[in-house]
Structures are given as C-alpha cells and as structure tokens.
Protein backbone atom coordinates (compact mmCIF):
# COMPACT_ATOMS: atom_id res chain seq x y z
CA MET A 1 -9.87 -59.23 34.50
CA VAL A 2 -8.18 -59.16 37.87
CA LYS A 3 -9.50 -61.22 40.73
CA TYR A 4 -9.20 -60.02 44.33
CA LEU A 5 -9.02 -62.27 47.36
CA SER A 6 -8.91 -61.11 50.96
CA PHE A 7 -7.56 -63.06 53.87
CA LEU A 8 -7.69 -62.19 57.58
CA PHE A 9 -4.78 -62.88 59.85
CA ILE A 10 -3.76 -62.03 63.43
CA ALA A 11 -0.14 -60.94 63.88
CA ALA A 12 1.94 -60.33 66.98
CA LEU A 13 4.92 -58.01 67.18
CA LEU A 14 7.34 -58.17 70.11
CA GLY A 15 4.65 -59.73 72.27
CA PHE A 16 2.02 -57.03 71.77
CA SER A 17 -1.26 -57.49 69.94
CA VAL A 18 -1.93 -55.48 66.82
CA PRO A 19 -5.16 -54.90 64.88
CA VAL A 20 -6.41 -57.47 62.40
CA HIS A 21 -5.11 -56.91 58.87
CA ALA A 22 -6.17 -58.24 55.50
CA GLN A 23 -3.99 -60.05 53.02
CA THR A 24 -4.93 -59.05 49.48
CA VAL A 25 -4.08 -61.14 46.44
CA SER A 26 -4.45 -59.84 42.90
CA TYR A 27 -4.01 -62.19 39.94
CA SER A 28 -2.79 -61.20 36.50
CA ASP A 29 -4.37 -62.59 33.38
CA TYR A 30 -2.42 -65.14 31.38
CA GLU A 31 -1.49 -64.82 27.74
CA ASN A 32 -2.21 -67.53 25.20
CA ASP A 33 1.45 -68.26 24.52
CA ASP A 34 2.44 -68.28 28.21
CA GLY A 35 2.38 -72.04 28.60
CA ARG A 36 4.39 -73.83 31.24
CA ASP A 37 7.30 -74.28 28.81
CA ILE A 38 7.98 -70.52 28.86
CA ASN A 39 10.97 -68.96 30.63
CA PHE A 40 10.37 -65.91 32.78
CA GLU A 41 11.99 -63.59 35.30
CA ILE A 42 10.35 -61.10 37.65
CA ILE A 43 12.29 -57.86 37.11
CA GLY A 44 10.58 -55.88 39.86
CA LYS A 45 8.47 -52.81 40.58
CA MET A 46 9.15 -49.45 38.91
CA LYS A 47 7.07 -46.28 38.71
CA GLY A 48 4.11 -48.21 40.12
CA ASN A 49 4.35 -50.90 37.44
CA PHE A 50 5.32 -54.56 37.81
CA LEU A 51 7.65 -55.84 35.09
CA VAL A 52 8.08 -59.47 34.05
CA TYR A 53 10.36 -60.71 31.28
CA LYS A 54 9.19 -63.71 29.25
CA ASN A 55 10.94 -65.82 26.65
CA LEU A 56 9.74 -68.66 24.45
CA ARG A 57 12.29 -69.86 21.91
CA TRP A 58 13.14 -66.79 19.76
CA LYS A 59 10.39 -64.56 21.20
CA HIS A 60 11.26 -62.08 23.95
CA LYS A 61 8.78 -59.72 25.60
CA LEU A 62 8.04 -57.58 28.64
CA SER A 63 4.68 -57.79 30.39
CA ILE A 64 3.84 -54.53 32.17
CA PHE A 65 1.21 -54.80 34.93
CA ASP A 66 -0.39 -51.92 36.81
CA LYS A 67 -0.87 -51.75 40.59
CA ASP A 68 -3.90 -54.09 40.36
CA MET A 69 -2.08 -56.58 38.10
CA ASN A 70 -4.08 -55.57 35.03
CA THR A 71 -2.02 -55.96 31.88
CA LYS A 72 -0.98 -52.44 30.98
CA GLU A 73 1.16 -53.25 27.97
CA ILE A 74 2.99 -56.12 26.29
CA ILE A 75 6.22 -55.02 24.64
CA MET A 76 7.93 -57.27 22.13
CA LEU A 77 11.71 -56.96 22.46
CA ASP A 78 12.31 -57.05 18.74
CA PHE A 79 15.81 -55.62 19.05
CA LEU A 80 17.00 -58.90 20.60
CA PRO A 81 18.55 -61.09 17.86
CA GLU A 82 17.11 -64.51 17.13
CA LYS A 83 20.16 -66.27 18.56
CA THR A 84 20.09 -64.49 21.92
CA LEU A 85 21.77 -66.82 24.39
CA ASN A 86 21.15 -65.26 27.78
CA VAL A 87 19.49 -62.20 29.36
CA ASP A 88 20.26 -60.64 32.77
CA PHE A 89 18.57 -57.71 34.52
CA ILE A 90 19.75 -55.11 37.02
CA ALA A 91 16.76 -53.17 38.36
CA TYR A 92 16.72 -49.69 39.92
CA PRO A 93 13.73 -47.69 41.27
CA ASP A 94 12.90 -46.09 37.91
CA PHE A 95 14.90 -47.97 35.25
CA PHE A 96 16.71 -51.20 34.57
CA TYR A 97 19.61 -52.52 32.53
CA MET A 98 19.24 -55.54 30.30
CA ILE A 99 22.52 -57.32 29.64
CA TYR A 100 22.30 -59.92 26.89
CA GLN A 101 24.55 -61.96 24.65
CA TYR A 102 24.04 -63.36 21.19
CA GLN A 103 26.07 -65.18 18.59
CA LYS A 104 26.57 -64.06 15.00
CA ARG A 105 28.70 -66.43 12.97
CA ASN A 106 31.67 -67.24 15.23
CA ILE A 107 31.45 -64.06 17.33
CA VAL A 108 29.62 -63.79 20.65
CA HIS A 109 28.46 -60.23 21.37
CA CYS A 110 27.68 -58.94 24.87
CA MET A 111 25.27 -56.00 24.81
CA GLY A 112 23.65 -53.65 27.30
CA ILE A 113 20.54 -51.50 27.07
CA LYS A 114 18.79 -49.13 29.50
CA MET A 115 14.97 -49.18 29.77
CA ASP A 116 12.41 -47.43 31.96
CA GLY A 117 9.54 -48.68 34.11
CA ASP A 118 7.16 -48.50 31.15
CA GLY A 119 9.38 -50.78 29.08
CA HIS A 120 10.63 -48.00 26.80
CA LYS A 121 14.23 -47.78 25.65
CA LEU A 122 16.25 -45.02 27.27
CA SER A 123 19.23 -45.80 25.06
CA GLU A 124 20.14 -47.89 22.07
CA PRO A 125 21.93 -51.20 22.71
CA VAL A 126 25.63 -50.70 23.49
CA GLU A 127 28.25 -53.33 22.77
CA LEU A 128 30.13 -54.18 25.97
CA ASP A 129 32.45 -56.91 24.70
CA THR A 130 32.94 -59.50 21.95
CA THR A 131 34.59 -62.92 21.83
CA GLN A 132 35.59 -65.07 18.91
CA ILE A 133 34.84 -68.76 19.47
CA SER A 134 35.50 -71.99 17.61
CA LEU A 135 32.80 -74.07 15.98
CA PHE A 136 32.15 -76.45 18.89
CA ALA A 137 33.01 -74.12 21.79
CA GLU A 138 30.57 -73.18 24.53
CA ASN A 139 28.82 -69.97 23.45
CA LYS A 140 27.18 -68.87 26.72
CA ILE A 141 30.36 -67.36 28.03
CA TYR A 142 29.30 -64.07 29.69
CA SER A 143 27.88 -63.69 33.20
CA THR A 144 26.63 -60.53 34.92
CA ILE A 145 26.83 -59.68 38.62
CA ASN A 146 26.28 -56.48 40.56
CA SER A 147 27.13 -55.10 43.97
CA GLU A 148 24.53 -55.01 46.71
CA ASP A 149 24.04 -51.23 46.34
CA LYS A 150 24.01 -51.64 42.53
CA GLN A 151 26.64 -48.93 42.10
CA LYS A 152 29.02 -51.43 40.52
CA ILE A 153 28.28 -53.90 37.71
CA MET A 154 30.60 -56.58 36.40
CA VAL A 155 30.41 -58.60 33.22
CA PHE A 156 32.90 -61.45 33.10
CA LYS A 157 33.69 -64.40 30.90
CA ILE A 158 35.46 -67.66 31.65
CA GLN A 159 36.98 -69.85 28.97
CA LYS A 160 38.71 -73.16 29.70
CA LYS A 161 41.61 -74.42 27.61
CA ASN A 162 44.46 -76.84 28.32
CA GLU A 163 43.62 -77.10 32.05
CA LYS A 164 43.69 -73.33 32.41
CA ILE A 165 40.97 -70.77 32.97
CA HIS A 166 41.12 -67.53 31.02
CA LEU A 167 39.17 -64.96 33.05
CA VAL A 168 38.22 -61.55 31.65
CA THR A 169 36.40 -59.04 33.88
CA LEU A 170 34.76 -55.75 32.86
CA LEU A 171 33.83 -53.49 35.78
CA PHE A 172 31.22 -50.76 35.11
CA ASP A 173 29.69 -47.98 37.17
CA GLN A 174 25.96 -47.31 37.60
CA GLN A 175 25.91 -45.46 34.25
CA LEU A 176 27.37 -48.55 32.56
CA GLN A 177 30.63 -46.72 31.94
CA LEU A 178 33.69 -48.97 31.91
CA ILE A 179 35.97 -48.58 34.96
CA LYS A 180 38.44 -51.40 34.39
CA LYS A 181 38.98 -54.38 32.10
CA SER A 182 41.29 -57.14 33.31
CA ARG A 183 42.62 -60.42 31.91
CA MET A 184 43.93 -63.23 34.10
CA ASN A 185 44.89 -66.89 33.76
CA MET A 186 44.52 -69.60 36.41
CA GLU A 187 45.38 -73.29 36.57
CA PHE A 188 42.26 -75.46 36.63
CA ASN A 189 41.59 -79.18 37.01
CA ASP A 190 37.88 -79.70 36.32
CA ARG A 191 37.99 -83.17 37.91
CA ARG A 192 39.20 -81.90 41.29
CA GLU A 193 38.48 -78.18 41.55
CA ASN A 194 35.16 -76.36 41.96
CA TYR A 195 34.56 -72.62 41.86
CA GLY A 196 31.64 -71.22 43.83
CA ASP A 197 29.42 -68.21 43.14
CA PHE A 198 31.14 -65.10 41.81
CA LEU A 199 30.15 -62.08 43.95
CA LEU A 200 30.90 -58.35 43.76
CA ASP A 201 31.20 -56.11 46.81
CA ASN A 202 30.15 -52.45 46.96
CA GLU A 203 33.68 -51.24 46.22
CA GLY A 204 33.92 -53.37 43.07
CA THR A 205 36.05 -56.22 44.45
CA LEU A 206 35.36 -59.61 42.90
CA ALA A 207 35.25 -62.62 45.24
CA VAL A 208 34.90 -66.36 44.63
CA THR A 209 35.70 -69.60 46.48
CA LEU A 210 37.82 -72.46 45.16
CA ALA A 211 37.32 -75.91 46.70
CA THR A 212 39.77 -78.70 45.84
CA GLN A 213 39.11 -82.43 46.17
CA PRO A 214 41.75 -85.17 46.68
CA VAL A 215 40.19 -87.13 43.80
CA ASN A 216 37.03 -86.79 41.73
CA ARG A 217 33.74 -87.08 43.69
CA ASP A 218 35.42 -86.75 47.09
CA TYR A 219 34.66 -84.02 49.58
CA SER A 220 37.04 -81.05 49.41
CA ASN A 221 40.14 -80.97 51.64
CA GLU A 222 41.37 -77.54 50.48
CA LEU A 223 39.43 -74.29 50.43
CA THR A 224 40.52 -70.85 49.20
CA LEU A 225 38.94 -67.41 49.00
CA ILE A 226 40.03 -65.58 45.84
CA THR A 227 39.61 -61.82 45.53
CA LYS A 228 40.38 -59.24 42.86
CA SER A 229 40.39 -55.55 43.80
CA PRO A 230 38.67 -53.12 41.38
CA LEU A 231 41.76 -51.68 39.65
CA SER A 232 44.04 -54.69 39.96
CA ASP A 233 45.05 -57.09 37.19
CA SER A 234 45.95 -59.88 39.61
CA LEU A 235 44.21 -62.17 42.08
CA ALA A 236 44.76 -62.51 45.83
CA PHE A 237 44.47 -65.97 47.45
CA HIS A 238 43.41 -66.45 51.08
CA THR A 239 43.68 -70.01 52.42
CA VAL A 240 41.03 -71.40 54.78
CA ASP A 241 42.60 -73.74 57.34
CA LEU A 242 40.34 -76.83 57.37
CA GLN A 243 42.30 -78.48 60.22
CA LYS A 244 42.36 -81.82 58.35
CA ASN A 245 38.57 -81.76 57.91
CA TYR A 246 36.65 -82.04 54.63
CA VAL A 247 33.96 -79.63 53.42
CA ASN A 248 31.06 -79.70 51.03
CA GLU A 249 28.32 -77.27 49.93
CA VAL A 250 30.46 -74.12 50.25
CA LYS A 251 28.57 -70.81 50.38
CA LEU A 252 30.15 -67.34 50.13
CA LYS A 253 28.45 -64.16 51.38
CA ILE A 254 29.70 -60.56 51.36
CA ASP A 255 29.00 -58.41 54.43
CA ASN A 256 29.31 -54.94 52.89
CA LEU A 257 28.42 -53.03 56.04
CA ASN A 258 31.36 -54.53 57.92
CA LYS A 259 33.64 -55.10 54.88
CA ARG A 260 33.88 -58.84 55.51
CA TYR A 261 33.61 -62.04 53.47
CA LEU A 262 31.82 -64.99 55.09
CA ILE A 263 32.35 -68.60 54.05
CA ASN A 264 30.10 -71.35 55.39
CA ALA A 265 30.13 -75.05 54.56
CA PHE A 266 29.23 -78.44 56.01
CA PHE A 267 32.34 -80.12 57.42
CA PHE A 268 33.20 -83.81 57.72
CA ARG A 269 35.92 -85.43 59.78
CA LYS A 270 36.06 -88.35 57.36
CA ASN A 271 36.03 -88.20 53.59
CA ARG A 272 32.57 -89.22 52.32
CA GLY A 273 31.42 -89.57 55.91
CA THR A 274 28.41 -88.04 57.63
CA ALA A 275 28.10 -84.28 58.16
CA ASP A 276 29.62 -83.44 61.56
CA GLY A 277 28.80 -79.75 61.68
CA MET A 278 29.17 -76.33 60.07
CA LEU A 279 32.35 -74.47 59.18
CA SER A 280 32.10 -70.68 59.50
CA TRP A 281 35.06 -68.58 58.39
CA CYS A 282 35.42 -64.82 58.00
CA TRP A 283 37.95 -62.67 56.14
CA ASN A 284 38.12 -58.99 57.12
CA ALA A 285 38.91 -56.96 53.99
CA ALA A 286 39.57 -53.76 55.95
CA HIS A 287 42.23 -55.43 58.16
CA ALA A 288 43.42 -57.91 55.49
CA ASP A 289 43.22 -60.70 58.06
CA GLN A 290 41.04 -63.55 59.27
CA ASP A 291 38.36 -62.46 61.77
CA PHE A 292 37.32 -65.92 62.95
CA SER A 293 37.25 -69.59 62.02
CA SER A 294 34.95 -72.05 63.82
CA PHE A 295 33.81 -75.65 63.42
CA LEU A 296 30.37 -75.95 65.05
CA GLU A 297 29.26 -79.51 65.71
CA PHE A 298 25.63 -80.60 65.34
CA SER A 299 24.21 -81.77 68.65
CA ASP A 300 22.22 -84.99 68.90
CA SER A 301 19.12 -83.03 69.91
CA LEU A 302 19.36 -80.88 66.77
CA ARG A 303 19.91 -83.97 64.63
CA ALA A 304 16.86 -85.63 66.16
CA GLU A 305 14.65 -82.60 65.51
CA SER A 306 15.98 -82.00 61.99
CA ARG A 307 15.88 -85.48 60.50
CA THR A 308 12.87 -86.88 58.65
CA ASP A 309 14.01 -90.53 58.72
CA GLY A 310 17.14 -92.66 58.84
CA HIS A 311 19.94 -92.78 61.39
CA LEU A 312 20.64 -89.91 63.75
CA ARG A 313 24.19 -89.42 62.44
CA ASP A 314 22.88 -89.05 58.87
CA ALA A 315 20.45 -86.24 59.72
CA PHE A 316 22.32 -83.47 57.83
CA ASN A 317 23.71 -85.51 54.94
CA GLU A 318 21.10 -84.19 52.50
CA PHE A 319 20.94 -80.60 53.77
CA VAL A 320 22.08 -77.70 51.60
CA ILE A 321 22.83 -74.07 52.45
CA ARG A 322 20.16 -71.98 50.76
CA GLN A 323 20.94 -68.50 52.07
CA VAL A 324 23.23 -66.54 54.34
CA VAL A 325 21.50 -63.46 55.80
CA VAL A 326 23.79 -60.82 57.25
CA LYS A 327 22.68 -58.72 60.23
CA LYS A 328 23.71 -55.12 60.68
CA ASP A 329 25.87 -55.93 63.72
CA GLY A 330 27.98 -58.41 61.72
CA GLY A 331 26.13 -61.51 62.89
CA PHE A 332 24.41 -63.72 60.35
CA LEU A 333 21.79 -66.41 59.80
CA LEU A 334 22.39 -69.69 57.99
CA LEU A 335 19.29 -70.99 56.21
CA THR A 336 19.56 -74.67 55.26
CA GLU A 337 17.07 -77.11 53.75
CA ASP A 338 16.76 -80.88 53.53
CA PHE A 339 16.72 -81.77 49.83
CA SER A 340 17.18 -84.93 47.78
CA SER A 341 15.92 -86.46 44.57
CA GLN A 342 15.24 -90.01 43.43
CA THR A 343 15.55 -91.05 39.79
CA SER A 344 14.03 -94.21 38.36
CA SER A 345 14.90 -95.54 34.93
CA ALA A 346 12.33 -97.15 32.67
CA ASN A 347 15.05 -99.44 31.31
CA ASN A 348 16.42 -100.98 34.48
CA ASN A 349 14.00 -99.82 37.19
CA LEU A 350 16.91 -98.68 39.36
CA ASN A 351 16.29 -95.99 41.94
CA THR A 352 19.13 -93.69 42.92
CA PHE A 353 19.24 -90.77 45.32
CA SER A 354 21.13 -87.66 44.26
CA PRO A 355 22.45 -84.79 46.36
CA TYR A 356 21.43 -81.27 45.47
CA ASN A 357 23.35 -79.50 42.72
CA ARG A 358 23.26 -75.75 43.27
CA TYR A 359 21.87 -73.59 40.52
CA ASN A 360 24.44 -71.45 38.75
CA SER A 361 23.12 -68.12 39.94
CA PHE A 362 25.72 -65.62 38.82
CA TYR A 363 24.27 -62.46 40.29
CA ASN A 364 23.32 -60.97 43.58
CA PRO A 365 19.72 -59.66 43.45
CA TYR A 366 19.46 -58.14 46.90
CA THR A 367 17.65 -54.96 47.85
CA ILE A 368 18.74 -52.90 50.87
CA TYR A 369 16.13 -52.08 53.49
CA PRO A 370 17.82 -49.43 55.69
CA ASN A 371 15.31 -49.62 58.55
CA SER A 372 15.37 -53.39 58.82
CA TYR A 373 17.24 -55.34 61.48
CA TYR A 374 18.82 -57.21 58.59
CA SER A 375 20.95 -55.37 56.05
CA TYR A 376 19.08 -56.69 53.02
CA ASN A 377 16.21 -58.78 51.80
CA PRO A 378 17.53 -62.36 51.61
CA TYR A 379 15.71 -63.15 48.39
CA TYR A 380 17.49 -66.07 46.79
CA ASN A 381 17.05 -66.29 43.08
CA ASN A 382 15.92 -69.66 41.78
CA TYR A 383 15.33 -70.48 38.18
CA TYR A 384 12.05 -71.80 36.83
CA ARG A 385 12.41 -75.19 35.18
CA PRO A 386 10.16 -75.26 32.11
CA TYR A 387 7.98 -78.34 31.93
CA ASN A 388 9.21 -81.03 29.54
CA SER A 389 6.18 -82.49 27.81
CA PHE A 390 8.15 -85.01 25.79
CA ALA A 391 8.30 -88.65 26.78
CA ASN A 392 11.27 -89.30 29.05
CA GLN A 393 12.96 -92.55 29.87
CA GLN A 394 13.59 -91.37 33.42
CA SER A 395 11.34 -90.16 36.20
CA THR A 396 12.62 -87.94 39.02
CA ARG A 397 10.96 -87.56 42.39
CA TYR A 398 11.95 -84.46 44.39
CA PHE A 399 11.94 -84.30 48.19
CA TYR A 400 12.08 -80.96 50.05
CA ALA A 401 11.84 -81.34 53.83
CA ASN A 402 12.76 -79.39 56.97
CA ILE A 403 14.37 -75.95 57.13
CA VAL A 404 17.05 -75.41 59.80
CA LEU A 405 18.09 -71.88 60.80
CA MET A 406 21.30 -71.16 62.68
CA SER A 407 22.04 -67.72 64.12
CA LEU A 408 25.68 -66.79 64.74
CA ASN A 409 27.06 -63.58 66.22
CA LYS A 410 29.75 -61.36 64.66
CA ASP A 411 32.48 -63.60 66.12
CA GLY A 412 31.01 -66.77 64.60
CA LYS A 413 29.64 -68.09 67.89
CA PRO A 414 26.19 -69.76 67.91
CA GLU A 415 23.23 -67.83 69.36
CA TRP A 416 20.17 -69.97 68.59
CA THR A 417 18.90 -72.66 66.24
CA ARG A 418 15.35 -73.25 64.96
CA VAL A 419 13.77 -76.00 62.87
CA LEU A 420 10.79 -75.34 60.60
CA HIS A 421 9.07 -78.64 59.85
CA LYS A 422 7.72 -79.37 56.39
CA ASP A 423 7.50 -82.37 54.10
CA GLN A 424 7.15 -81.82 50.33
CA MET A 425 7.37 -84.21 47.40
CA ASP A 426 6.57 -84.10 43.69
CA ASP A 427 7.37 -86.06 40.54
CA ASN A 428 9.31 -84.51 37.63
CA ASP A 429 8.52 -80.96 38.72
CA ASP A 430 9.91 -79.10 41.73
CA ASN A 431 8.71 -75.59 40.83
CA PHE A 432 6.00 -75.83 43.51
CA LEU A 433 8.34 -77.08 46.24
CA SER A 434 10.89 -75.55 48.64
CA TYR A 435 10.28 -72.05 50.05
CA SER A 436 10.85 -68.33 49.62
CA THR A 437 11.71 -65.66 52.18
CA MET A 438 10.37 -62.16 52.72
CA ILE A 439 11.36 -59.49 55.23
CA SER A 440 8.41 -57.69 56.76
CA GLY A 441 8.26 -55.84 60.09
CA GLY A 442 11.81 -56.82 60.98
CA GLU A 443 10.96 -60.54 60.73
CA ILE A 444 11.88 -63.09 58.09
CA HIS A 445 8.81 -64.83 56.69
CA PHE A 446 9.09 -68.32 55.21
CA LEU A 447 6.45 -69.10 52.58
CA TYR A 448 5.95 -72.63 51.26
CA ASN A 449 3.19 -74.83 49.90
CA LEU A 450 1.47 -76.96 52.52
CA ASP A 451 -0.78 -78.60 49.98
CA ARG A 452 -0.31 -78.01 46.27
CA LYS A 453 -3.72 -79.40 45.31
CA ASN A 454 -5.58 -77.32 47.89
CA GLN A 455 -3.40 -74.28 47.13
CA VAL A 456 -2.47 -73.49 50.73
CA ILE A 457 0.70 -71.50 51.50
CA ALA A 458 2.15 -71.61 55.00
CA ASP A 459 3.61 -68.42 56.49
CA GLU A 460 6.08 -68.89 59.35
CA SER A 461 8.20 -66.01 60.59
CA ILE A 462 11.32 -65.72 62.73
CA THR A 463 12.13 -62.68 64.85
CA PRO A 464 15.72 -61.44 65.40
CA GLU A 465 15.59 -63.15 68.81
CA GLY A 466 14.74 -66.49 67.22
CA ILE A 467 11.05 -66.59 68.16
CA ASN A 468 9.07 -68.70 65.69
CA LYS A 469 5.58 -67.46 64.77
CA ARG A 470 2.96 -69.33 62.78
CA ASN A 471 0.94 -66.78 60.83
CA ALA A 472 -2.36 -67.37 59.08
CA THR A 473 -2.05 -69.47 55.94
CA LEU A 474 -2.62 -67.97 52.51
CA LYS A 475 -5.28 -69.96 50.70
CA SER A 476 -6.66 -69.24 47.26
CA GLN A 477 -10.44 -69.16 47.12
CA GLU A 478 -10.23 -69.09 43.35
CA LYS A 479 -9.97 -72.63 41.96
CA GLY A 480 -7.26 -73.60 39.56
CA TYR A 481 -4.34 -71.46 40.77
CA GLN A 482 -1.20 -73.28 41.91
CA PHE A 483 1.44 -71.14 43.61
CA MET A 484 5.22 -71.35 43.09
CA PRO A 485 6.53 -69.67 46.28
CA ARG A 486 10.15 -70.66 45.63
CA LEU A 487 10.17 -68.47 42.50
CA SER A 488 8.57 -65.41 44.12
CA LYS A 489 10.24 -62.03 44.53
CA GLN A 490 9.73 -59.33 47.14
CA VAL A 491 8.91 -56.07 45.37
CA GLY A 492 8.00 -53.87 48.35
CA ALA A 493 8.16 -53.64 52.13
CA ASN A 494 5.10 -55.91 52.45
CA GLN A 495 4.57 -56.95 48.85
CA LEU A 496 5.41 -60.11 46.95
CA LEU A 497 4.98 -61.37 43.39
CA ILE A 498 4.38 -65.13 43.20
CA PRO A 499 4.30 -67.02 39.88
CA CYS A 500 1.25 -69.28 39.46
CA LEU A 501 0.09 -72.02 37.16
CA TYR A 502 -3.50 -71.67 35.96
CA ARG A 503 -4.90 -74.18 33.45
CA ALA A 504 -1.37 -74.92 32.20
CA TYR A 505 -0.62 -71.19 31.78
CA ILE A 506 1.84 -69.06 33.74
CA CYS A 507 0.46 -65.98 35.51
CA PHE A 508 1.43 -63.93 38.57
CA ALA A 509 -0.15 -63.14 41.94
CA LYS A 510 0.57 -59.92 43.83
CA VAL A 511 0.34 -60.51 47.57
CA ASP A 512 0.04 -57.55 49.96
CA LEU A 513 0.59 -58.58 53.56
C-alpha cells in the first residue's frame, strides 16, 4: 500500500508571485529483510520505474517501483557470486550498467552487465579484467568512474607495493567497448602523501590531486594536479604554487563546458594553525596553462556568522568542502559544512574530537540539466552506514552545523557568500544528519532535518544571485517515518527519492515538488 501526503507551499521566483503548489510524497512499502543493517543504492528513474539496489550479506536484489512507489517487482540478482566485493552503477535514461568484482580463489574478477529499466538483463556478464592477488592482499581493488556525459567509463585498480603505486586504467565507451588499457607506476609514501578523488572528464582524461605533507599528520605543503589523457600511457604533473601556505581538505572538480580543472582547499599560513581562507586554483586543459590562482581570506564578519561556538579565529577549523557546483559561465559555488565528531571510550571515559574524513566516493554521479543556470545537478553521493547492533566499547556523537556557500566568478574572484544556519547532533548514527541538494527552477534547494523526532525537513533555496529563500517545510503526517535527506537522489526536474526508516525497516519516499 502506498500512502500519499500533500503539502502546500508558497514559492517566489525572481520576485514575482506564483500560484500555490502541492508537494506530494509517496512512500514505498518495506520488505521483511530490509532492516537497517542492509546496504542500498538508489540507481535512478528509467522507463517510468524507480530502481533501488539492495544488499544484505550474500543476497543482492533490485526493487522496482512504479510511478506511485508501489512495488512492481523484486528481482534477485542470482548471477552475482557469493563473494561479490563491490557493485557500482552507471545509469542512462533506459538502461544501466552494473560493474562488480568478486574473488574466486586468488583471482579477483571485474565484470560488467547491461540491464534495462525493468531489471532484465540485456546482456550476459562480460569479464572486464582480472587480477591475481596474494593470500593477505586487499581484494577490493577495482573502482569505477564515468564522465559527466556518461560517454566514457573507466575502471581502474591501484595496488601498493614497496612504496610504489601500480595503476592500471581501462577506458571504455558508452557501449562498454575497450578504448585503451594503460599501466603506470608512481612513487608513493603512504605516511606523507594523499591522493584525492579520481575523476574522468568528457574526453576520457583522468584527473586526480596529490597532496604531500612535511611529516605524518601535518597539513600539506605541496599540491599537484595529475592528469592522464585518454590514449596516453604516461601521467602529466601540474604543480600548484602554495606560496609557502599549507592546505587541507582538497577538492577537485572538472568543468567540462569550459575544459578546466578546479582545485579548492582550505589554506593555512601556519602548519596545524587555524584556517585562514580558501585556495582556488584553475588549470585550463585547452590552453595547457593555469587560468587563475587565488587565496581568499575569511573576513571576521563571515567568521562570526559561520561559527557555532569557540573563538572567532577557529570558526572554519571544522568545516569541510562538500560540493563544488560549476556554472555555465565558468564561475562556481563552494558548498562547505561544519562537521565534527566526538568519541567517548567506555574504558577510559576520554572524549576526543575528530575532523571529518571524506568518504571514498570513486565516481561522479552527475546528471546534466541543459536548461539550468548550473551545468549539472550537484548531487553528492554519500554512503549509508548500516546500523551496528552489536555492543560497542565506544560511542560516537556526530555534529553537523552551518552550511557556508561561496560564489566565485570564472576568474576565481568572490561574488557573494551566504550562511545557512542549522544545528544537528546524533549519537552513533549520522544517516539522518547533514543535507542534500536539488536543482529546481534554476535554484539550488538545501534539504535537511530540522527535527528528526518530529520528521520535519527544512527547504532553503539559493538563487544564482545569492538570494536565500525559506520555503515551506516538508513534514510527514504519517507517524513513524524518519527521513535521511543526505542519502537522497534527484531523479527528475522536480523529483527526489529520499530513504526513510520505518519501524526499523528501510523504505523510500518519492517527493514531487
């Protein structure tokens, strides 16, 4: 049974009033084995269906929902071996690829299969690559990324041995036909060097950042952009001049429309000091040269508005870069969030605060919206953390606070800054915290839980000019549903799928704005 809820809200667009609309929420049913220890991923919308992948230990299945979130079919993915290690998805309007890896004896196999919007196989599984590993070696060695237009797909593996990285890349086209396989070796010191997210541009060029620290646990004093062109067997290194500053929380973004690579990071004048501002650096691939490099200092007024407590100088010490949203004109938005965690031990009752460790999200799940002011939907994939029901000797308290947005033009110069105020906290479970974004009507909407117990979701939007709008909240009139906005996914121009917890079971809510 599907439950419908309607909500009224008043919206304004460019200063003009528009008629009252209704928000409609449709809930899916839960399945008996969909407890909160299940893993899941929202694949997307195809042929009018909504597809969700679910995994519990050795069981893998697809849940197919119709337009009203009624369960249309549940398909057991019996072709996946028992020792399947990882599954990735690349979704298109009417089909998707599933890239998975499994181990058989001492061989790791990387496979690909094409399926349609009804969950039916359009091909048999195809072996993409194999790797022989030793008994105690890491077996989750393959990662999958795709270009923003999804015309290029890359499967790569990284193996570390004797302070060297052995990198193998396999570049495929949209038909999953191999274009180029490359092998490369790089020096690597895991105590001082950190690689960022691996990204793929629309031409098939691989890009990644390398940050180097003076010693372990210091901020980085060297930063490099590494690129590999589609048909090359070598890497190109582009040095970022830090001007004797230190950086932390490095974020890479590809601007495909303007053929540029953007690097943003918090910078510090002193090692292990307080965050002084934001580094923004741009490499122009078309001109093979640096477009701009800027160190933007945080003003005292911004620090005062952004901090939740503590000293003014420490205001940005616990902020992380969540997203970089590229505009069509080459400008971009930086979306940052105040995050920290506190761990208490049952043995010694010590409390320690930890900085945020970014999830290893090795793919780029963006969808292009040609008519939008922004070049793509800035959906940032976060992973669900299954609930651990076993007794634990440690307790972790998560804090998610204010969101700070910074708009920069195509030359890296600041345009405007906005602060969205929120204060969220939970113990041992942060799936209900933080926020998600959705592009609708040329605005970016920020959705986050105001009150988990009362099931109220705030909706704040930002226009391209930086105007902040507070839209009507989304509140469930049906008792028992707890929303997880951070794990939601935009599946249409004004449509969102939000995971929910209902009586300890995972289900999904379709929201039509």
